[in-house]
Amino acid sequence: MTNPSVPSLTTSAARWSAGHPWRAIAGWFLFVMMCLGAGIAVGGQAATTEDFWIGEAGRGEAMATEGGLQQKPVEHILISAKPGATTPGTATPGTPGTPGTPGTPGTPGTLDAPAADAAARDAASRMKRLPEVESVSAPIRSGDGTAVRVKVTLRGPELEGKKHVDPLLAQTAEVRAAHPGVRVEETGGPSIGKGIDELRGEDLSRTEVIALPITLITLLVVFGSVSLAVVPILLALTSIAAAVGLSMLASHAFPDVGVGASMILLIGMAVGVDYTLFYLKREREERARSGGRLLGEKSWWPSRPSLPTGPSAPEGPVRDPMVTGPSAENVV
C-alpha cells in the first residue's frame, strides 16, 4: 500500500512545475518539438493490403494470393441510352414514281446499338493502352439490349486499385465527350473506394475547420477572457502536435489506415480543453477549501492534515476536511 505521506511522481512533477512555471513550459514545448521532429524525420507508414489480413479470413487471402487466386481490382464501363434519347425511326425510301412509306417512329429511351458499340470499342481501345490495366474484356451486351458493359481489370492488389484508378476515369471522361449520343459511366471497387475516401476527407476537413472556432467561441463565452480561452486551446494544439509525431513513429509498428491524424485532432481538442477545465475546477475547489491559501511544502495531497499532539490534542473523533462519507471521522 502506498504511503500517503510520500509524494508520487505525478505529484512531484506537478509541484515542481508549479514552482518553476517557465521551465515547465519550456520543457513542454521542447518535448512537443522533439516528438514532431522525430515523426517528420522518420515519416509515417500507411497500411497495405497485407495489413488487413487478420484471422482466418486473412490466412485465406494469403493462401489465395500465393496460388494466384486473389481478387483483382475491377472497373466496369457501362454504356446506356441517355434519358429522353430516341432511336431513329425506320422508313422505306421511295423509288422513282413511287412514294416511300413513313415507317415506324423512334422509340424513346432505347439504346442506339451502333453508337453504343462504337463507344464500347473506343473505351476498350483506350483502356488497353494504359499501364495500370491488366486486361480488358470484350463488350458484353445485356439480355434486353439496353446496355453494353466493358470489364477492365487493373494490376496489383484489390485494395490498392483506388490509387491507380484516376487514369481510367480520365479516359472514360474522354469517351463520354467523344460519344455524346450515349451515356457512358464508370463504376467499380476502386472508383467507389476513391469516392468514399474523398467524401470522408472533405467531411473531416470541414470538421477540423469548424472545431477550433467553435471551441474558442465557447471558451470566450464561459470565461469572458481571451487569455483564459487561449490557454486550453494552446495546450490542446501542442498536445495534438506531439501526438501526431508519436503516431508517425508508431505507424511503423501499427500501420496507419489513413484517418489517424484527423482522429487525433478531434479527440485532442476535446480532451485538451476538457482536462484544462477539469484542472481549473479542482484548483478553485482546493483554494476555496483552504480559504484561498495554497498547500504548504510538506502537505502532500491527498494526505491527511497534520494534527496537534500533546496537551492541546483534541479528544474524540476528528473530521478530516479532505474526506467525506463514513470514513470522514478519524479517532486520534
Protein backbone atom coordinates (compact mmCIF):
# COMPACT_ATOMS: atom_id res chain seq x y z
CA MET A 1 0.00 0.00 0.00
CA THR A 2 1.35 3.42 -0.96
CA ASN A 3 2.37 5.67 1.89
CA PRO A 4 0.19 8.81 1.54
CA SER A 5 2.88 10.95 3.14
CA VAL A 6 5.29 10.24 0.24
CA PRO A 7 4.54 12.17 -2.93
CA SER A 8 4.06 10.23 -6.16
CA LEU A 9 5.95 11.03 -9.35
CA THR A 10 2.93 12.86 -10.71
CA THR A 11 2.59 14.94 -7.55
CA SER A 12 6.29 15.75 -7.53
CA ALA A 13 6.23 16.76 -11.19
CA ALA A 14 3.15 18.93 -10.67
CA ARG A 15 4.67 20.61 -7.62
CA TRP A 16 7.95 21.25 -9.44
CA SER A 17 6.06 22.68 -12.43
CA ALA A 18 4.09 24.99 -10.14
CA GLY A 19 7.32 26.21 -8.57
CA HIS A 20 9.15 26.57 -11.90
CA PRO A 21 6.44 27.53 -14.42
CA TRP A 22 8.69 28.91 -17.15
CA ARG A 23 11.00 25.91 -17.05
CA ALA A 24 7.99 23.60 -17.21
CA ILE A 25 6.53 25.46 -20.19
CA ALA A 26 9.88 25.46 -21.99
CA GLY A 27 10.29 21.74 -21.29
CA TRP A 28 6.82 21.01 -22.64
CA PHE A 29 7.44 22.88 -25.88
CA LEU A 30 10.80 21.13 -26.22
CA PHE A 31 9.07 17.77 -25.79
CA VAL A 32 6.48 18.70 -28.44
CA MET A 33 9.16 19.75 -30.93
CA MET A 34 11.14 16.58 -30.31
CA CYS A 35 8.08 14.37 -30.90
CA LEU A 36 7.01 16.22 -34.03
CA GLY A 37 10.55 16.43 -35.40
CA ALA A 38 11.18 12.73 -34.86
CA GLY A 39 7.91 11.84 -36.56
CA ILE A 40 8.64 14.05 -39.58
CA ALA A 41 12.19 12.73 -39.85
CA VAL A 42 11.13 9.08 -39.77
CA GLY A 43 7.85 9.54 -41.64
CA GLY A 44 4.63 7.57 -41.37
CA GLN A 45 3.77 4.18 -42.82
CA ALA A 46 0.37 3.67 -44.44
CA ALA A 47 -1.44 0.35 -44.17
CA THR A 48 -1.14 -2.01 -47.12
CA THR A 49 -3.37 -4.84 -48.27
CA GLU A 50 -1.40 -7.38 -46.25
CA ASP A 51 -2.02 -5.42 -43.04
CA PHE A 52 -5.72 -6.25 -43.27
CA TRP A 53 -5.10 -9.99 -43.45
CA ILE A 54 -6.19 -10.79 -39.92
CA GLY A 55 -7.55 -14.06 -38.56
CA GLU A 56 -8.82 -16.93 -40.67
CA ALA A 57 -10.03 -14.61 -43.41
CA GLY A 58 -6.55 -13.11 -43.58
CA ARG A 59 -4.95 -16.53 -43.85
CA GLY A 60 -7.38 -17.37 -46.63
CA GLU A 61 -6.43 -14.19 -48.50
CA ALA A 62 -2.73 -15.03 -48.12
CA MET A 63 -3.29 -18.56 -49.47
CA ALA A 64 -5.29 -17.23 -52.40
CA THR A 65 -2.56 -14.72 -53.19
CA GLU A 66 0.12 -17.39 -53.13
CA GLY A 67 -1.94 -19.50 -55.51
CA GLY A 68 -2.67 -16.61 -57.86
CA LEU A 69 -6.37 -16.57 -56.95
CA GLN A 70 -6.51 -13.25 -55.16
CA GLN A 71 -9.27 -10.80 -56.03
CA LYS A 72 -8.26 -8.16 -58.55
CA PRO A 73 -9.43 -4.54 -58.69
CA VAL A 74 -12.11 -4.37 -61.39
CA GLU A 75 -13.81 -1.41 -63.05
CA HIS A 76 -16.89 -1.56 -65.27
CA ILE A 77 -17.67 0.89 -68.07
CA LEU A 78 -21.42 0.95 -68.66
CA ILE A 79 -22.89 2.37 -71.85
CA SER A 80 -26.64 3.01 -71.97
CA ALA A 81 -29.16 5.32 -73.58
CA LYS A 82 -29.33 8.88 -72.38
CA PRO A 83 -32.52 9.85 -70.51
CA GLY A 84 -35.04 11.08 -73.09
CA ALA A 85 -32.99 9.79 -76.03
CA THR A 86 -34.87 8.44 -79.06
CA THR A 87 -33.54 5.96 -81.58
CA PRO A 88 -34.01 6.77 -85.27
CA GLY A 89 -37.25 5.50 -86.80
CA THR A 90 -37.45 3.11 -89.72
CA ALA A 91 -38.65 4.44 -93.05
CA THR A 92 -38.80 2.95 -96.53
CA PRO A 93 -37.25 5.20 -99.18
CA GLY A 94 -39.29 5.80 -102.27
CA THR A 95 -38.41 4.80 -105.84
CA PRO A 96 -38.82 6.90 -108.95
CA GLY A 97 -42.52 7.31 -109.41
CA THR A 98 -43.35 5.55 -106.11
CA PRO A 99 -43.53 7.46 -102.82
CA GLY A 100 -41.82 5.99 -99.78
CA THR A 101 -43.57 4.93 -96.60
CA PRO A 102 -43.10 6.83 -93.33
CA GLY A 103 -42.23 3.64 -91.42
CA THR A 104 -42.27 3.47 -87.61
CA PRO A 105 -41.23 6.31 -85.31
CA GLY A 106 -38.21 6.07 -82.99
CA THR A 107 -38.58 4.54 -79.53
CA PRO A 108 -37.88 6.81 -76.56
CA GLY A 109 -35.19 5.52 -74.14
CA THR A 110 -33.98 2.71 -76.42
CA LEU A 111 -30.23 2.25 -76.80
CA ASP A 112 -28.77 3.16 -80.16
CA ALA A 113 -26.86 -0.08 -80.80
CA PRO A 114 -24.35 1.21 -83.39
CA ALA A 115 -23.47 4.25 -81.23
CA ALA A 116 -23.12 2.05 -78.13
CA ASP A 117 -20.88 -0.44 -79.93
CA ALA A 118 -18.68 2.38 -81.21
CA ALA A 119 -18.36 3.82 -77.70
CA ALA A 120 -17.56 0.38 -76.25
CA ARG A 121 -14.83 -0.24 -78.81
CA ASP A 122 -13.35 3.20 -78.18
CA ALA A 123 -13.35 2.63 -74.40
CA ALA A 124 -11.76 -0.80 -74.71
CA SER A 125 -9.06 0.53 -77.04
CA ARG A 126 -8.21 3.39 -74.70
CA MET A 127 -8.08 1.20 -71.60
CA LYS A 128 -5.75 -1.37 -73.19
CA ARG A 129 -3.13 1.33 -73.71
CA LEU A 130 -2.94 2.22 -70.00
CA PRO A 131 -0.06 0.69 -68.00
CA GLU A 132 -2.35 0.35 -64.95
CA VAL A 133 -4.65 -2.06 -66.82
CA GLU A 134 -4.02 -5.79 -66.85
CA SER A 135 -6.84 -6.90 -69.15
CA VAL A 136 -9.95 -5.63 -70.92
CA SER A 137 -12.90 -7.85 -71.78
CA ALA A 138 -14.86 -7.76 -75.00
CA PRO A 139 -18.05 -5.63 -74.88
CA ILE A 140 -20.91 -7.50 -73.21
CA ARG A 141 -24.49 -6.63 -74.17
CA SER A 142 -27.31 -7.03 -71.66
CA GLY A 143 -30.07 -9.53 -72.30
CA ASP A 144 -32.67 -6.87 -73.04
CA GLY A 145 -30.29 -4.83 -75.19
CA THR A 146 -30.49 -1.71 -73.04
CA ALA A 147 -26.81 -1.52 -72.04
CA VAL A 148 -23.29 -2.54 -73.02
CA ARG A 149 -20.59 -3.23 -70.45
CA VAL A 150 -16.80 -3.36 -70.70
CA LYS A 151 -14.91 -5.04 -67.85
CA VAL A 152 -11.47 -3.60 -67.02
CA THR A 153 -9.11 -5.44 -64.63
CA LEU A 154 -6.32 -3.41 -63.00
CA ARG A 155 -2.90 -4.61 -61.92
CA GLY A 156 -1.98 -5.10 -58.27
CA PRO A 157 -3.96 -6.00 -55.12
CA GLU A 158 -7.63 -5.18 -54.82
CA LEU A 159 -7.32 -2.61 -52.02
CA GLU A 160 -4.65 -0.67 -53.91
CA GLY A 161 -6.74 -0.27 -57.05
CA LYS A 162 -8.11 3.11 -55.94
CA LYS A 163 -4.57 4.52 -56.08
CA HIS A 164 -4.38 3.80 -59.83
CA VAL A 165 -7.94 4.47 -60.99
CA ASP A 166 -7.50 8.14 -61.95
CA PRO A 167 -6.17 7.44 -65.47
CA LEU A 168 -9.15 5.17 -66.13
CA LEU A 169 -11.61 7.82 -65.01
CA ALA A 170 -9.88 10.34 -67.27
CA GLN A 171 -10.17 8.03 -70.29
CA THR A 172 -13.83 7.38 -69.53
CA ALA A 173 -14.46 11.12 -69.49
CA GLU A 174 -12.85 11.40 -72.94
CA VAL A 175 -15.01 8.56 -74.27
CA ARG A 176 -18.07 10.33 -72.87
CA ALA A 177 -17.12 13.53 -74.66
CA ALA A 178 -16.40 11.71 -77.94
CA HIS A 179 -19.77 9.89 -77.97
CA PRO A 180 -22.44 12.36 -76.87
CA GLY A 181 -25.27 10.21 -78.23
CA VAL A 182 -24.97 7.63 -75.42
CA ARG A 183 -24.47 7.69 -71.67
CA VAL A 184 -21.01 6.48 -70.56
CA GLU A 185 -20.31 5.84 -66.87
CA GLU A 186 -17.61 4.02 -64.91
CA THR A 187 -18.01 2.20 -61.62
CA GLY A 188 -16.26 -0.48 -59.59
CA GLY A 189 -14.49 -1.13 -56.34
CA PRO A 190 -11.51 1.21 -56.98
CA SER A 191 -13.58 4.20 -58.14
CA ILE A 192 -16.14 3.74 -55.35
CA GLY A 193 -13.35 3.47 -52.75
CA LYS A 194 -11.72 6.61 -54.11
CA GLY A 195 -15.02 8.49 -53.95
CA ILE A 196 -15.65 7.38 -50.37
CA ASP A 197 -12.15 8.46 -49.33
CA GLU A 198 -12.64 11.87 -50.91
CA LEU A 199 -16.03 12.33 -49.26
CA ARG A 200 -14.67 11.25 -45.88
CA GLY A 201 -11.69 13.55 -46.28
CA GLU A 202 -13.95 16.50 -47.08
CA ASP A 203 -16.14 15.79 -44.05
CA LEU A 204 -13.15 15.51 -41.72
CA SER A 205 -11.57 18.65 -43.17
CA ARG A 206 -14.80 20.56 -42.64
CA THR A 207 -14.96 19.31 -39.07
CA GLU A 208 -11.36 20.30 -38.45
CA VAL A 209 -12.01 23.80 -39.79
CA ILE A 210 -15.05 24.47 -37.60
CA ALA A 211 -13.77 22.71 -34.45
CA LEU A 212 -11.25 25.40 -33.49
CA PRO A 213 -13.52 28.47 -33.94
CA ILE A 214 -16.42 26.83 -32.12
CA THR A 215 -14.17 25.80 -29.23
CA LEU A 216 -12.69 29.30 -28.97
CA ILE A 217 -16.10 30.96 -29.03
CA THR A 218 -17.41 28.57 -26.37
CA LEU A 219 -14.46 29.27 -24.07
CA LEU A 220 -14.81 33.02 -24.59
CA VAL A 221 -18.46 32.78 -23.53
CA VAL A 222 -17.57 30.65 -20.49
CA PHE A 223 -14.58 32.65 -19.24
CA GLY A 224 -15.19 36.07 -20.72
CA SER A 225 -11.42 36.44 -21.17
CA VAL A 226 -9.23 35.95 -24.22
CA SER A 227 -6.21 34.79 -22.23
CA LEU A 228 -8.19 32.16 -20.31
CA ALA A 229 -9.77 30.96 -23.55
CA VAL A 230 -6.45 30.69 -25.40
CA VAL A 231 -4.66 28.61 -22.73
CA PRO A 232 -6.81 25.45 -23.14
CA ILE A 233 -6.63 25.69 -26.93
CA LEU A 234 -2.86 26.18 -26.87
CA LEU A 235 -2.49 23.15 -24.61
CA ALA A 236 -4.72 21.09 -26.90
CA LEU A 237 -2.89 22.11 -30.08
CA THR A 238 0.55 21.37 -28.67
CA SER A 239 -0.71 18.01 -27.39
CA ILE A 240 -2.06 17.24 -30.85
CA ALA A 241 1.27 18.12 -32.45
CA ALA A 242 3.13 15.81 -30.06
CA ALA A 243 0.60 13.02 -30.60
CA VAL A 244 0.84 13.33 -34.39
CA GLY A 245 4.62 12.98 -34.21
CA LEU A 246 4.40 9.96 -31.92
CA SER A 247 1.72 8.38 -34.12
CA MET A 248 4.03 8.65 -37.13
CA LEU A 249 6.65 6.72 -35.18
CA ALA A 250 4.08 4.17 -34.01
CA SER A 251 2.79 3.65 -37.56
CA HIS A 252 5.90 1.59 -38.34
CA ALA A 253 4.64 -0.99 -35.84
CA PHE A 254 0.91 -0.31 -36.30
CA PRO A 255 0.34 0.99 -39.87
CA ASP A 256 -1.97 3.97 -40.29
CA VAL A 257 -5.22 3.33 -42.17
CA GLY A 258 -5.45 6.99 -43.20
CA VAL A 259 -7.60 8.67 -40.55
CA GLY A 260 -5.17 8.78 -37.62
CA ALA A 261 -4.28 12.47 -37.85
CA SER A 262 -7.92 13.56 -38.10
CA MET A 263 -8.91 11.44 -35.12
CA ILE A 264 -6.01 12.82 -33.08
CA LEU A 265 -7.13 16.36 -33.89
CA LEU A 266 -10.77 15.82 -32.93
CA ILE A 267 -10.03 13.83 -29.78
CA GLY A 268 -7.11 16.07 -28.83
CA MET A 269 -9.22 19.22 -28.94
CA ALA A 270 -11.92 17.63 -26.80
CA VAL A 271 -9.59 16.04 -24.24
CA GLY A 272 -7.21 19.01 -24.04
CA VAL A 273 -9.96 21.51 -23.33
CA ASP A 274 -11.83 19.12 -21.04
CA TYR A 275 -8.83 18.40 -18.83
CA THR A 276 -7.89 22.06 -18.67
CA LEU A 277 -11.37 22.89 -17.43
CA PHE A 278 -11.19 19.97 -15.00
CA TYR A 279 -7.91 21.29 -13.59
CA LEU A 280 -9.31 24.81 -13.20
CA LYS A 281 -12.38 23.44 -11.43
CA ARG A 282 -10.31 21.39 -8.98
CA GLU A 283 -7.88 24.26 -8.38
CA ARG A 284 -10.76 26.55 -7.48
CA GLU A 285 -12.27 23.91 -5.22
CA GLU A 286 -8.97 23.43 -3.37
CA ARG A 287 -8.47 27.17 -2.97
CA ALA A 288 -11.99 27.53 -1.62
CA ARG A 289 -11.42 24.60 0.76
CA SER A 290 -8.20 26.12 2.13
CA GLY A 291 -9.53 29.64 2.40
CA GLY A 292 -7.64 30.89 -0.64
CA ARG A 293 -4.24 29.61 0.59
CA LEU A 294 -2.05 27.15 -1.31
CA LEU A 295 -0.87 23.99 0.46
CA GLY A 296 2.44 24.13 2.24
CA GLU A 297 5.58 22.36 1.06
CA LYS A 298 5.04 19.39 3.39
CA SER A 299 1.32 18.98 2.82
CA TRP A 300 1.06 16.34 0.11
CA TRP A 301 -2.47 15.98 -1.27
CA PRO A 302 -4.39 13.76 -0.60
CA SER A 303 -2.61 13.08 2.71
CA ARG A 304 -4.38 13.91 5.95
CA PRO A 305 -3.71 17.32 7.51
CA SER A 306 -1.32 17.41 10.45
CA LEU A 307 -2.98 17.04 13.84
CA PRO A 308 -1.71 18.65 17.04
CA THR A 309 -0.19 16.41 19.68
CA GLY A 310 0.42 16.82 23.36
CA PRO A 311 -1.85 18.58 25.90
CA SER A 312 -3.54 20.57 23.13
CA ALA A 313 -4.53 17.49 21.15
CA PRO A 314 -8.33 17.22 20.74
CA GLU A 315 -10.19 14.31 22.26
CA GLY A 316 -12.68 12.17 20.43
CA PRO A 317 -13.33 11.90 16.73
CA VAL A 318 -11.75 14.45 14.42
CA ARG A 319 -13.27 15.11 11.00
CA ASP A 320 -10.87 15.10 8.07
CA PRO A 321 -11.84 18.06 5.85
CA MET A 322 -10.46 16.28 2.77
CA VAL A 323 -12.59 13.15 3.20
CA THR A 324 -16.34 12.74 3.09
CA GLY A 325 -18.67 9.87 3.87
CA PRO A 326 -18.49 7.26 6.66
CA SER A 327 -14.68 7.47 6.81
CA ALA A 328 -14.72 11.20 7.44
CA GLU A 329 -14.23 10.79 11.21
CA ASN A 330 -10.87 9.55 12.46
CA VAL A 331 -10.16 8.71 16.05
CA VAL A 332 -6.95 10.25 17.40
